[in-house]
Amino acid sequence: MILGIGAESEIFLYAGLAGMSVLCTYYILIYFRKLIPHSNLAAGIEDVIFWVAASIYIFRRMYETTYGSIRWFFVLGVLCGAGIGYLLFRLFGKIW
């Protein structure tokens, strides 16, 4: 299915939001670890569970928005969203 540029830009924005939400969830996990100390084994298990869940979430977003086909602008959107989210967290961390 050929998508128009408007649909592609909308999917790119949704992908960026998906990347930001995964990054935000990972920061919540990091802050949870700082709040309650964990052993290396527990942290490793948490990481595996997180990344499996994040992979399923990203796959579902990709499947729903691009109708089952892999579009590289979706992958780029996820990476850009995570990068922008990282910069925003750094900026708010310095302000805080």
C-alpha atoms as a PDB file:
ATOM      1  CA  MET A   1       0.000   0.000   0.000  1.00  0.00           C
ATOM      2  CA  ILE A   2       1.381   3.358  -1.005  1.00  0.00           C
ATOM      3  CA  LEU A   3       0.977   6.016   1.648  1.00  0.00           C
ATOM      4  CA  GLY A   4       0.820   9.747   1.025  1.00  0.00           C
ATOM      5  CA  ILE A   5       3.312  12.128   2.566  1.00  0.00           C
ATOM      6  CA  GLY A   6       0.680  13.321   5.051  1.00  0.00           C
ATOM      7  CA  ALA A   7       0.053   9.772   6.279  1.00  0.00           C
ATOM      8  CA  GLU A   8       3.784   9.108   6.465  1.00  0.00           C
ATOM      9  CA  SER A   9       4.405  12.225   8.548  1.00  0.00           C
ATOM     10  CA  GLU A  10       1.554  11.276  10.886  1.00  0.00           C
ATOM     11  CA  ILE A  11       3.024   7.782  11.306  1.00  0.00           C
ATOM     12  CA  PHE A  12       6.451   9.334  11.893  1.00  0.00           C
ATOM     13  CA  LEU A  13       5.008  11.452  14.730  1.00  0.00           C
ATOM     14  CA  TYR A  14       3.272   8.416  16.251  1.00  0.00           C
ATOM     15  CA  ALA A  15       6.567   6.550  16.064  1.00  0.00           C
ATOM     16  CA  GLY A  16       8.308   9.441  17.812  1.00  0.00           C
ATOM     17  CA  LEU A  17       5.744   9.322  20.596  1.00  0.00           C
ATOM     18  CA  ALA A  18       6.263   5.567  20.894  1.00  0.00           C
ATOM     19  CA  GLY A  19      10.022   6.108  21.224  1.00  0.00           C
ATOM     20  CA  MET A  20       9.498   8.781  23.876  1.00  0.00           C
ATOM     21  CA  SER A  21       7.112   6.583  25.834  1.00  0.00           C
ATOM     22  CA  VAL A  22       9.566   3.662  25.837  1.00  0.00           C
ATOM     23  CA  LEU A  23      12.354   5.959  27.011  1.00  0.00           C
ATOM     24  CA  CYS A  24      10.144   7.493  29.703  1.00  0.00           C
ATOM     25  CA  THR A  25       9.196   4.031  30.945  1.00  0.00           C
ATOM     26  CA  TYR A  26      12.860   3.044  31.085  1.00  0.00           C
ATOM     27  CA  TYR A  27      13.675   6.152  33.126  1.00  0.00           C
ATOM     28  CA  ILE A  28      10.881   5.207  35.527  1.00  0.00           C
ATOM     29  CA  LEU A  29      12.517   1.781  35.865  1.00  0.00           C
ATOM     30  CA  ILE A  30      15.903   3.419  36.527  1.00  0.00           C
ATOM     31  CA  TYR A  31      14.446   5.697  39.210  1.00  0.00           C
ATOM     32  CA  PHE A  32      12.671   2.714  40.772  1.00  0.00           C
ATOM     33  CA  ARG A  33      16.040   0.955  40.995  1.00  0.00           C
ATOM     34  CA  LYS A  34      17.581   3.991  42.694  1.00  0.00           C
ATOM     35  CA  LEU A  35      14.688   4.125  45.137  1.00  0.00           C
ATOM     36  CA  ILE A  36      14.839   0.407  46.006  1.00  0.00           C
ATOM     37  CA  PRO A  37      18.311  -1.153  45.559  1.00  0.00           C
ATOM     38  CA  HIS A  38      18.377  -4.363  43.532  1.00  0.00           C
ATOM     39  CA  SER A  39      20.892  -7.132  43.050  1.00  0.00           C
ATOM     40  CA  ASN A  40      22.499  -7.522  39.638  1.00  0.00           C
ATOM     41  CA  LEU A  41      20.379 -10.603  38.949  1.00  0.00           C
ATOM     42  CA  ALA A  42      17.126  -8.775  39.746  1.00  0.00           C
ATOM     43  CA  ALA A  43      18.186  -5.800  37.610  1.00  0.00           C
ATOM     44  CA  GLY A  44      19.035  -8.136  34.740  1.00  0.00           C
ATOM     45  CA  ILE A  45      15.671  -9.875  34.965  1.00  0.00           C
ATOM     46  CA  GLU A  46      13.914  -6.502  35.053  1.00  0.00           C
ATOM     47  CA  ASP A  47      15.857  -5.400  31.976  1.00  0.00           C
ATOM     48  CA  VAL A  48      14.949  -8.547  30.039  1.00  0.00           C
ATOM     49  CA  ILE A  49      11.264  -8.170  30.943  1.00  0.00           C
ATOM     50  CA  PHE A  50      11.348  -4.474  30.031  1.00  0.00           C
ATOM     51  CA  TRP A  51      12.977  -4.994  26.643  1.00  0.00           C
ATOM     52  CA  VAL A  52      10.662  -7.853  25.725  1.00  0.00           C
ATOM     53  CA  ALA A  53       7.668  -5.688  26.666  1.00  0.00           C
ATOM     54  CA  ALA A  54       9.130  -2.692  24.796  1.00  0.00           C
ATOM     55  CA  SER A  55       9.721  -4.847  21.707  1.00  0.00           C
ATOM     56  CA  ILE A  56       6.137  -6.086  21.780  1.00  0.00           C
ATOM     57  CA  TYR A  57       4.871  -2.509  22.218  1.00  0.00           C
ATOM     58  CA  ILE A  58       6.958  -1.140  19.330  1.00  0.00           C
ATOM     59  CA  PHE A  59       5.981  -4.089  17.106  1.00  0.00           C
ATOM     60  CA  ARG A  60       2.284  -3.511  17.842  1.00  0.00           C
ATOM     61  CA  ARG A  61       2.594   0.193  17.117  1.00  0.00           C
ATOM     62  CA  MET A  62       4.384  -0.572  13.854  1.00  0.00           C
ATOM     63  CA  TYR A  63       1.868  -3.239  12.886  1.00  0.00           C
ATOM     64  CA  GLU A  64      -1.136  -1.006  13.598  1.00  0.00           C
ATOM     65  CA  THR A  65       0.146   2.168  11.948  1.00  0.00           C
ATOM     66  CA  THR A  66       1.923   0.753   8.892  1.00  0.00           C
ATOM     67  CA  TYR A  67      -0.559  -2.046   8.171  1.00  0.00           C
ATOM     68  CA  GLY A  68       1.873  -4.869   8.833  1.00  0.00           C
ATOM     69  CA  SER A  69       4.770  -3.711   6.673  1.00  0.00           C
ATOM     70  CA  ILE A  70       8.096  -2.500   8.001  1.00  0.00           C
ATOM     71  CA  ARG A  71       8.650   1.114   7.100  1.00  0.00           C
ATOM     72  CA  TRP A  72      12.061   2.562   7.835  1.00  0.00           C
ATOM     73  CA  PHE A  73      10.643   5.983   8.584  1.00  0.00           C
ATOM     74  CA  PHE A  74       8.823   4.348  11.520  1.00  0.00           C
ATOM     75  CA  VAL A  75      12.115   3.009  12.870  1.00  0.00           C
ATOM     76  CA  LEU A  76      13.708   6.413  12.311  1.00  0.00           C
ATOM     77  CA  GLY A  77      10.762   8.050  14.073  1.00  0.00           C
ATOM     78  CA  VAL A  78      11.210   5.806  17.121  1.00  0.00           C
ATOM     79  CA  LEU A  79      14.909   6.651  17.271  1.00  0.00           C
ATOM     80  CA  CYS A  80      14.276  10.381  16.817  1.00  0.00           C
ATOM     81  CA  GLY A  81      11.567  10.313  19.471  1.00  0.00           C
ATOM     82  CA  ALA A  82      13.860   8.561  21.920  1.00  0.00           C
ATOM     83  CA  GLY A  83      16.645  11.033  21.125  1.00  0.00           C
ATOM     84  CA  ILE A  84      14.397  14.046  21.624  1.00  0.00           C
ATOM     85  CA  GLY A  85      13.044  12.517  24.826  1.00  0.00           C
ATOM     86  CA  TYR A  86      16.609  12.014  26.065  1.00  0.00           C
ATOM     87  CA  LEU A  87      17.464  15.647  25.342  1.00  0.00           C
ATOM     88  CA  LEU A  88      14.304  16.820  27.118  1.00  0.00           C
ATOM     89  CA  PHE A  89      15.116  14.700  30.186  1.00  0.00           C
ATOM     90  CA  ARG A  90      18.628  16.160  30.259  1.00  0.00           C
ATOM     91  CA  LEU A  91      17.261  19.693  29.895  1.00  0.00           C
ATOM     92  CA  PHE A  92      14.658  19.245  32.648  1.00  0.00           C
ATOM     93  CA  GLY A  93      17.281  17.557  34.839  1.00  0.00           C
ATOM     94  CA  LYS A  94      19.493  20.624  34.598  1.00  0.00           C
ATOM     95  CA  ILE A  95      16.575  22.953  35.260  1.00  0.00           C
ATOM     96  CA  TRP A  96      15.390  20.874  38.234  1.00  0.00           C
END
